[in-house]
Every structure is written in C-alpha cells, then in structure tokens.
Amino acid sequence: MHTQNTAKQPHTEPSADESKKTHVTLINYNEKEFEEKEITDPKEADSYKDHRNVTWIDIDGIYNKETVNHYLKYVKLHPLVQEDIFNTNQRPKAIDYEENVYVVLKLLSYDEEKSRVRVEQLSIVLSKNFLITFQEKEGDGLAKVKELIRAEKSRIRVMKADFLLYAIFDSVVDNYFTILERIGERIDILEKKVIDAPTPKTLQKLNSLKKEIIYLRKSVWPMREVIRSLERDESPLIQKPTWLYFRDVYDHTIQVIDTMETYRDILSNVMDIYLSSISNRLNEVMKVLTIISTIFIPLTFITSLYGMNFDYLPELKYHYAYPTVLAFMLVSAIGMILYFKSKKWW
C-alpha cells in the first residue's frame, strides 16, 4: 500500500487539563448481535481482542496517555505510529503494516459561537475484525456511524471491519459538505456586504475566511491519495467488495476539493470587488470635492478681486453694488451646476 510521508512534526502532547476526560466506547456486533457500552476500566475490553464479531473501540479525547497506550497493546504498531497518534499535526495518510492499517483523517466541526471551522485529528487502526479510533478532542464526531450500527437491518451489521472503516470515511467526508454549506453562507453574506457597504472590517473577515479555506484545503486535499491507496492496493484487511464503496468516497472527496477551489476563487473575486468598490467610492468623493472646488473658484476670485483696498474700484460707490455682486455670484454658481448636470458629471 502506498505510504505517505511520515516525517515527524513538532510533538504535541495530550492536554493536561484534568477537566477534560477520555471517554471510551466499545461496540461489538454482527448481523444478529449488538453490544454497546462505555468503558471506565481499560481491562474491560481485553476479552474482546480476539472476538469473532466486529469490535470497535472509540476513544473520544486522547487526554489520558496511559489509557490510550493500553488499547494500543491490542495491535502491533511501530513506535513512530504510536507517537503520531498523540502528535495531532499529522497530514491525512494511510500506512499498511500487513497485520493492521493505520489511517489519519481530519474531522471538521463548526463552532457556532465563533463562526469558524474547528479541525481535529482522527487516527484509525484497522486489524482483522477489530478497529480502534482515536478522536483528538471531546465531542462524538462519529455519532452517525454509531447510529448506523444500532440499526438492526443496516448493511454495516453484515459486513466486516473494513466496511466499518469505509463508513467512518463516508461520515467524515459527508460532514465536509455540511461544513462547506456553512462556509458558502458566510461567503454570500460577505459578498452582499461588500457590494452594499464595504468596510475595513469586511475586508478583515474576507482575509480570515480565505485563510480558513486554505487551511481546510490542506486538511482535505491529501485524502485523495489516502482513499486511492486504500481502494487500489490489495491489503488483506480490505476485501474486494469494499473497494467499490471506497471509490464512491473518493468521488465525494473530489467534489469537496472542487467546491473548496470554487469558494477560493469566489473569495478572490469578492476581494477584487471590495477593492473596486473602495476605489469607486474614493473617486465619487474626489469628484464631489472637485465639483465643489470648481464652483467656488470663480466665487473666490470675485470676492478676492473686490477685497483689494484700492480707491478707484468700479462700482465701489454704487448703492446696489453689494447685492449685485452677490446675485452675479449666485448666477455663476447655478450656471456651473447646470453645466455639470448637462455633462452628467454630477
């Protein structure tokens, strides 16, 4: 199976915050049997290691390193892979170790309060009839998969652990579409603001959203190769009937990536519209100021001319000189305004 770049990144240890807890859920099932329970003592899961049914251990929040390491004993993993589970800066990747397959995905969730997307790492270890998932943070991002397993007549109940791996992929990718829908709504709102009343705050939000999409693109883009390697390479842990399902997820991933590219292009266009709007507003302001200045230039000339302290200025002693000059100034101003209107300059 294709192996992604496993170069080590700066190590990120699990949070030491005691208020955060590691929740472990065990699900054991086949076509007719189903068992689900939350495990508080890691030893409770020891008897399920070689069970004939499909066993899924979901570790929600990798805050307790000792607890996580206990479940890693069920599968033979390279020490570097064990470190990768705790190093949550990994890119999506898939590595075949013959006896098991190690996969890294990115789970996305939408923070309603801060109106931004949260990204967390999901590590998966697949072995025969056994699968372990390690979710980086609290919050069940795989609830939809669990609902499928609880359904008595669902396809997943008659399939093996490799189909459970597909179901997790499918749930993760489907959630990407939901996140993209929210991002699309934000883009529409910003686009309307840019057209109606662009402000520096709007530009800041545009830049922030563009960076967010670029970050999401980096999280999603490598999944193409991950899914391709799973569906095209002949791992003994992934059966041929499941390959077709992985091809379907691959197609959905391409759609997600294409949508992200489209959104990135739209944001670039919106930023161009913002700059054009600001430039047009500045031009309008400069035009108005220029027109006002042009109107007052002849008026200023007349007042300055009659403000000179000479004894023999024309009409200086004329009784109606002042109202006459004012009337002339008014006629000059109105005449220029009408001229600008006729030229459609104002």
Protein backbone atom coordinates (compact mmCIF):
# COMPACT_ATOMS: atom_id res chain seq x y z
CA MET A 1 0.00 0.00 0.00
CA HIS A 2 1.19 3.49 -0.75
CA THR A 3 2.91 5.10 2.20
CA GLN A 4 2.62 8.82 2.81
CA ASN A 5 5.47 10.94 4.13
CA THR A 6 5.88 10.11 7.83
CA ALA A 7 8.40 12.81 8.70
CA LYS A 8 7.96 13.74 12.33
CA GLN A 9 6.48 17.12 13.11
CA PRO A 10 6.81 19.06 16.38
CA HIS A 11 5.40 16.77 19.04
CA THR A 12 2.13 17.81 20.65
CA GLU A 13 1.40 16.11 23.95
CA PRO A 14 -2.16 15.44 25.07
CA SER A 15 -3.74 18.15 27.16
CA ALA A 16 -3.01 18.01 30.86
CA ASP A 17 -6.29 19.70 31.71
CA GLU A 18 -7.92 17.49 34.34
CA SER A 19 -11.37 18.84 33.43
CA LYS A 20 -11.09 17.02 30.11
CA LYS A 21 -11.76 13.32 30.20
CA THR A 22 -11.08 10.44 27.86
CA HIS A 23 -14.32 8.63 27.02
CA VAL A 24 -14.07 5.08 25.67
CA THR A 25 -16.99 3.37 23.94
CA LEU A 26 -16.92 -0.28 22.93
CA ILE A 27 -19.24 -1.61 20.24
CA ASN A 28 -19.36 -5.31 19.39
CA TYR A 29 -21.69 -6.55 16.67
CA ASN A 30 -22.59 -8.92 13.88
CA GLU A 31 -25.76 -9.39 11.83
CA LYS A 32 -27.83 -10.58 14.81
CA GLU A 33 -25.92 -9.43 17.88
CA PHE A 34 -25.18 -5.93 19.14
CA GLU A 35 -23.48 -4.69 22.27
CA GLU A 36 -22.52 -1.12 23.17
CA LYS A 37 -21.08 0.10 26.45
CA GLU A 38 -18.90 2.83 27.87
CA ILE A 39 -15.67 1.55 29.38
CA THR A 40 -14.19 3.13 32.51
CA ASP A 41 -11.57 0.44 33.18
CA PRO A 42 -9.40 -0.38 30.11
CA LYS A 43 -9.19 -4.02 31.20
CA GLU A 44 -12.91 -4.43 30.43
CA ALA A 45 -12.04 -4.52 26.72
CA ASP A 46 -9.33 -7.20 26.98
CA SER A 47 -11.74 -10.07 26.35
CA TYR A 48 -12.86 -8.55 23.04
CA LYS A 49 -9.43 -8.53 21.43
CA ASP A 50 -9.89 -11.80 19.50
CA HIS A 51 -13.69 -11.80 19.39
CA ARG A 52 -15.37 -13.41 16.37
CA ASN A 53 -17.66 -10.38 15.94
CA VAL A 54 -16.57 -6.96 14.72
CA THR A 55 -15.29 -4.92 17.66
CA TRP A 56 -14.93 -1.15 17.56
CA ILE A 57 -13.25 0.78 20.37
CA ASP A 58 -13.84 4.52 20.05
CA ILE A 59 -11.56 6.68 22.22
CA ASP A 60 -13.05 10.15 22.47
CA GLY A 61 -10.35 12.60 23.59
CA ILE A 62 -6.72 11.48 23.80
CA TYR A 63 -6.06 13.30 27.08
CA ASN A 64 -5.12 10.24 29.14
CA LYS A 65 -2.00 8.84 27.53
CA GLU A 66 -1.87 5.81 29.80
CA THR A 67 -5.42 4.80 28.82
CA VAL A 68 -4.70 5.23 25.12
CA ASN A 69 -1.49 3.19 25.32
CA HIS A 70 -3.40 0.32 26.94
CA TYR A 71 -5.58 -0.10 23.84
CA LEU A 72 -2.56 0.19 21.55
CA LYS A 73 -1.36 -3.09 23.04
CA TYR A 74 -4.15 -4.85 21.15
CA VAL A 75 -2.43 -4.15 17.83
CA LYS A 76 1.20 -4.34 16.80
CA LEU A 77 2.24 -0.85 15.80
CA HIS A 78 5.56 0.79 15.11
CA PRO A 79 6.62 3.15 17.94
CA LEU A 80 6.58 6.07 15.48
CA VAL A 81 2.93 5.39 14.73
CA GLN A 82 2.13 5.48 18.43
CA GLU A 83 3.76 8.90 18.58
CA ASP A 84 1.75 10.04 15.54
CA ILE A 85 -1.48 9.35 17.39
CA PHE A 86 -0.54 11.92 20.02
CA ASN A 87 1.07 14.30 17.54
CA THR A 88 -2.10 15.93 16.22
CA ASN A 89 -0.37 17.90 13.44
CA GLN A 90 -0.27 14.93 11.06
CA ARG A 91 -1.47 15.15 7.46
CA PRO A 92 -4.07 12.62 6.30
CA LYS A 93 -2.26 9.41 5.40
CA ALA A 94 -2.61 5.62 5.24
CA ILE A 95 0.11 3.10 6.12
CA ASP A 96 -0.19 -0.67 5.66
CA TYR A 97 1.62 -2.76 8.28
CA GLU A 98 0.25 -6.09 6.93
CA GLU A 99 -1.28 -7.08 10.26
CA ASN A 100 -3.04 -3.71 10.54
CA VAL A 101 -3.66 -0.47 8.66
CA TYR A 102 -3.03 2.93 10.23
CA VAL A 103 -5.05 5.87 8.88
CA VAL A 104 -5.09 9.57 9.80
CA LEU A 105 -8.06 11.77 8.86
CA LYS A 106 -9.22 15.27 9.75
CA LEU A 107 -12.57 15.72 11.49
CA LEU A 108 -14.28 19.06 10.88
CA SER A 109 -16.87 20.72 13.11
CA TYR A 110 -18.46 24.17 13.02
CA ASP A 111 -18.15 26.49 16.03
CA GLU A 112 -21.42 28.44 16.08
CA GLU A 113 -20.23 30.98 18.67
CA LYS A 114 -17.04 31.97 16.84
CA SER A 115 -18.40 31.26 13.33
CA ARG A 116 -15.38 29.25 12.32
CA VAL A 117 -14.41 25.69 11.49
CA ARG A 118 -12.61 23.54 14.04
CA VAL A 119 -10.24 20.81 12.87
CA GLU A 120 -9.20 17.80 14.90
CA GLN A 121 -7.23 14.67 14.12
CA LEU A 122 -8.84 11.25 13.84
CA SER A 123 -6.47 8.28 13.98
CA ILE A 124 -7.73 4.84 13.00
CA VAL A 125 -6.13 1.42 13.43
CA LEU A 126 -7.75 -1.42 11.47
CA SER A 127 -6.98 -5.08 12.05
CA LYS A 128 -8.94 -8.27 11.43
CA ASN A 129 -12.42 -7.90 13.00
CA PHE A 130 -11.05 -5.10 15.16
CA LEU A 131 -10.93 -1.32 14.78
CA ILE A 132 -9.78 1.44 17.14
CA THR A 133 -10.45 5.14 16.60
CA PHE A 134 -8.66 7.95 18.45
CA GLN A 135 -10.50 11.27 18.38
CA GLU A 136 -8.34 14.20 19.39
CA LYS A 137 -10.97 16.15 21.38
CA GLU A 138 -14.16 15.60 23.32
CA GLY A 139 -17.32 15.50 21.22
CA ASP A 140 -18.58 12.49 19.33
CA GLY A 141 -17.72 13.21 15.71
CA LEU A 142 -18.63 9.64 14.70
CA ALA A 143 -22.20 9.60 16.06
CA LYS A 144 -23.69 8.93 12.61
CA VAL A 145 -21.66 5.74 12.22
CA LYS A 146 -22.81 4.51 15.61
CA GLU A 147 -26.43 5.18 14.63
CA LEU A 148 -25.94 3.01 11.52
CA ILE A 149 -24.60 0.14 13.62
CA ARG A 150 -27.51 0.40 16.07
CA ALA A 151 -29.96 -0.04 13.19
CA GLU A 152 -30.78 -3.75 13.14
CA LYS A 153 -31.13 -4.18 9.36
CA SER A 154 -28.30 -1.90 8.21
CA ARG A 155 -25.71 -3.14 5.72
CA ILE A 156 -22.86 -2.41 8.11
CA ARG A 157 -24.07 -5.13 10.51
CA VAL A 158 -23.48 -7.90 7.94
CA MET A 159 -20.08 -6.63 6.81
CA LYS A 160 -16.61 -6.90 8.31
CA ALA A 161 -14.37 -4.31 9.98
CA ASP A 162 -13.16 -2.96 6.63
CA PHE A 163 -16.71 -1.79 5.87
CA LEU A 164 -16.74 -0.02 9.25
CA LEU A 165 -13.60 1.80 8.11
CA TYR A 166 -15.43 2.82 4.92
CA ALA A 167 -18.44 4.00 6.98
CA ILE A 168 -16.15 6.24 9.04
CA PHE A 169 -14.60 7.68 5.86
CA ASP A 170 -18.05 8.27 4.41
CA SER A 171 -19.30 10.01 7.56
CA VAL A 172 -16.22 12.26 7.71
CA VAL A 173 -16.47 13.26 4.04
CA ASP A 174 -20.24 13.81 4.22
CA ASN A 175 -19.64 16.17 7.14
CA TYR A 176 -17.30 18.15 4.87
CA PHE A 177 -20.28 19.00 2.67
CA THR A 178 -22.17 20.33 5.71
CA ILE A 179 -19.19 22.50 6.68
CA LEU A 180 -18.84 23.79 3.12
CA GLU A 181 -22.52 24.74 3.11
CA ARG A 182 -21.94 26.93 6.18
CA ILE A 183 -18.88 28.49 4.57
CA GLY A 184 -20.92 29.18 1.43
CA GLU A 185 -23.50 31.03 3.54
CA ARG A 186 -20.75 33.18 5.08
CA ILE A 187 -19.38 33.98 1.63
CA ASP A 188 -22.85 35.09 0.44
CA ILE A 189 -23.24 37.39 3.45
CA LEU A 190 -19.80 38.93 2.95
CA GLU A 191 -20.40 39.36 -0.77
CA LYS A 192 -23.60 41.29 -0.06
CA LYS A 193 -21.80 43.49 2.49
CA VAL A 194 -19.01 44.20 0.02
CA ILE A 195 -21.48 45.34 -2.63
CA ASP A 196 -23.73 47.35 -0.29
CA ALA A 197 -21.36 48.90 2.25
CA PRO A 198 -17.72 47.75 2.18
CA THR A 199 -15.74 48.46 5.36
CA PRO A 200 -12.24 47.55 6.60
CA LYS A 201 -13.92 45.06 8.98
CA THR A 202 -15.45 43.30 5.96
CA LEU A 203 -12.01 43.01 4.37
CA GLN A 204 -10.66 41.53 7.59
CA LYS A 205 -13.41 38.90 7.57
CA LEU A 206 -12.69 38.12 3.92
CA ASN A 207 -8.99 37.57 4.65
CA SER A 208 -9.82 35.43 7.68
CA LEU A 209 -12.24 33.26 5.68
CA LYS A 210 -9.76 32.89 2.83
CA LYS A 211 -7.06 31.68 5.24
CA GLU A 212 -9.59 29.28 6.76
CA ILE A 213 -10.39 27.75 3.37
CA ILE A 214 -6.68 27.40 2.56
CA TYR A 215 -6.16 25.59 5.87
CA LEU A 216 -9.13 23.31 5.22
CA ARG A 217 -7.81 22.58 1.75
CA LYS A 218 -4.53 21.41 3.27
CA SER A 219 -6.51 19.14 5.60
CA VAL A 220 -8.73 17.63 2.91
CA TRP A 221 -6.53 17.54 -0.21
CA PRO A 222 -4.29 14.60 0.91
CA MET A 223 -7.39 12.44 1.47
CA ARG A 224 -7.49 11.76 -2.26
CA GLU A 225 -4.29 9.77 -2.05
CA VAL A 226 -5.35 8.14 1.21
CA ILE A 227 -8.60 6.79 -0.26
CA ARG A 228 -6.96 5.92 -3.59
CA SER A 229 -4.32 3.84 -1.81
CA LEU A 230 -6.97 2.01 0.21
CA GLU A 231 -9.17 1.18 -2.78
CA ARG A 232 -6.50 0.32 -5.31
CA ASP A 233 -3.93 -1.58 -3.20
CA GLU A 234 -4.57 -5.15 -2.22
CA SER A 235 -4.40 -5.11 1.56
CA PRO A 236 -5.61 -8.43 3.03
CA LEU A 237 -7.61 -6.42 5.60
CA ILE A 238 -9.76 -4.72 2.95
CA GLN A 239 -11.93 -7.07 0.93
CA LYS A 240 -12.69 -6.57 -2.77
CA PRO A 241 -16.43 -5.88 -2.27
CA THR A 242 -15.47 -2.88 -0.11
CA TRP A 243 -13.28 -1.33 -2.79
CA LEU A 244 -16.33 -0.12 -4.71
CA TYR A 245 -17.52 1.80 -1.64
CA PHE A 246 -14.13 3.47 -1.25
CA ARG A 247 -14.32 4.59 -4.90
CA ASP A 248 -17.62 6.29 -4.06
CA VAL A 249 -15.99 8.11 -1.13
CA TYR A 250 -13.13 9.09 -3.43
CA ASP A 251 -15.61 10.72 -5.83
CA HIS A 252 -17.19 12.63 -2.94
CA THR A 253 -13.76 13.81 -1.80
CA ILE A 254 -13.05 15.17 -5.29
CA GLN A 255 -16.36 17.07 -5.12
CA VAL A 256 -15.35 18.57 -1.77
CA ILE A 257 -11.99 19.67 -3.15
CA ASP A 258 -13.60 21.16 -6.27
CA THR A 259 -16.06 23.08 -4.09
CA MET A 260 -13.21 24.44 -1.97
CA GLU A 261 -11.39 25.57 -5.10
CA THR A 262 -14.57 27.28 -6.28
CA TYR A 263 -15.01 29.05 -2.94
CA ARG A 264 -11.41 30.19 -3.00
CA ASP A 265 -11.91 31.69 -6.48
CA ILE A 266 -15.15 33.36 -5.34
CA LEU A 267 -13.39 34.90 -2.34
CA SER A 268 -10.64 36.26 -4.60
CA ASN A 269 -13.32 37.80 -6.83
CA VAL A 270 -15.12 39.26 -3.80
CA MET A 271 -11.87 40.83 -2.63
CA ASP A 272 -11.42 42.35 -6.09
CA ILE A 273 -14.97 43.69 -5.85
CA TYR A 274 -14.14 45.16 -2.44
CA LEU A 275 -11.08 46.95 -3.79
CA SER A 276 -13.04 48.20 -6.79
CA SER A 277 -15.87 49.41 -4.54
CA ILE A 278 -13.46 51.29 -2.29
CA SER A 279 -11.77 52.81 -5.34
CA ASN A 280 -15.13 53.83 -6.82
CA ARG A 281 -16.24 55.39 -3.53
CA LEU A 282 -12.98 57.33 -3.35
CA ASN A 283 -13.46 58.50 -6.94
CA GLU A 284 -17.00 59.63 -6.12
CA VAL A 285 -15.77 61.57 -3.11
CA MET A 286 -12.98 63.16 -5.15
CA LYS A 287 -15.47 64.05 -7.91
CA VAL A 288 -17.82 65.80 -5.47
CA LEU A 289 -14.94 67.67 -3.85
CA THR A 290 -13.62 68.69 -7.27
CA ILE A 291 -17.05 69.97 -8.37
CA ILE A 292 -17.43 71.96 -5.13
CA SER A 293 -13.95 73.41 -5.56
CA THR A 294 -14.68 74.30 -9.20
CA ILE A 295 -17.89 76.11 -8.21
CA PHE A 296 -16.11 78.14 -5.55
CA ILE A 297 -13.09 79.08 -7.67
CA PRO A 298 -14.86 81.92 -9.59
CA LEU A 299 -16.69 82.99 -6.44
CA THR A 300 -13.40 83.19 -4.60
CA PHE A 301 -11.93 85.19 -7.50
CA ILE A 302 -14.79 87.75 -7.37
CA THR A 303 -14.61 88.19 -3.59
CA SER A 304 -10.83 88.49 -3.64
CA LEU A 305 -11.00 90.99 -6.50
CA TYR A 306 -13.37 93.26 -4.61
CA GLY A 307 -11.44 92.72 -1.43
CA MET A 308 -8.49 94.72 -2.75
CA ASN A 309 -8.00 98.05 -0.94
CA PHE A 310 -7.90 100.39 -3.94
CA ASP A 311 -9.74 103.74 -4.09
CA TYR A 312 -10.98 103.60 -7.67
CA LEU A 313 -12.55 100.10 -7.98
CA PRO A 314 -15.54 100.08 -10.42
CA GLU A 315 -18.97 100.35 -8.75
CA LEU A 316 -17.27 100.79 -5.41
CA LYS A 317 -19.57 103.71 -4.54
CA TYR A 318 -22.63 102.24 -6.29
CA HIS A 319 -25.59 101.89 -3.88
CA TYR A 320 -26.59 98.40 -5.11
CA ALA A 321 -23.05 97.10 -5.67
CA TYR A 322 -23.15 94.51 -2.87
CA PRO A 323 -26.45 92.77 -3.84
CA THR A 324 -25.42 92.95 -7.50
CA VAL A 325 -22.17 91.11 -6.85
CA LEU A 326 -23.98 88.54 -4.70
CA ALA A 327 -26.54 87.97 -7.45
CA PHE A 328 -23.76 87.57 -10.01
CA MET A 329 -22.01 85.04 -7.80
CA LEU A 330 -25.24 83.11 -7.33
CA VAL A 331 -25.94 83.07 -11.07
CA SER A 332 -22.36 81.87 -11.73
CA ALA A 333 -22.69 79.03 -9.23
CA ILE A 334 -26.10 77.91 -10.57
CA GLY A 335 -24.84 78.14 -14.15
CA MET A 336 -21.89 75.83 -13.40
CA ILE A 337 -24.12 73.36 -11.57
CA LEU A 338 -26.47 73.20 -14.55
CA TYR A 339 -23.49 72.78 -16.89
CA PHE A 340 -22.18 69.85 -14.79
CA LYS A 341 -25.64 68.30 -14.79
CA SER A 342 -25.87 68.56 -18.58
CA LYS A 343 -22.50 66.79 -18.91
CA LYS A 344 -23.63 64.17 -16.36
CA TRP A 345 -20.64 64.93 -14.21
CA TRP A 346 -22.86 65.27 -11.18
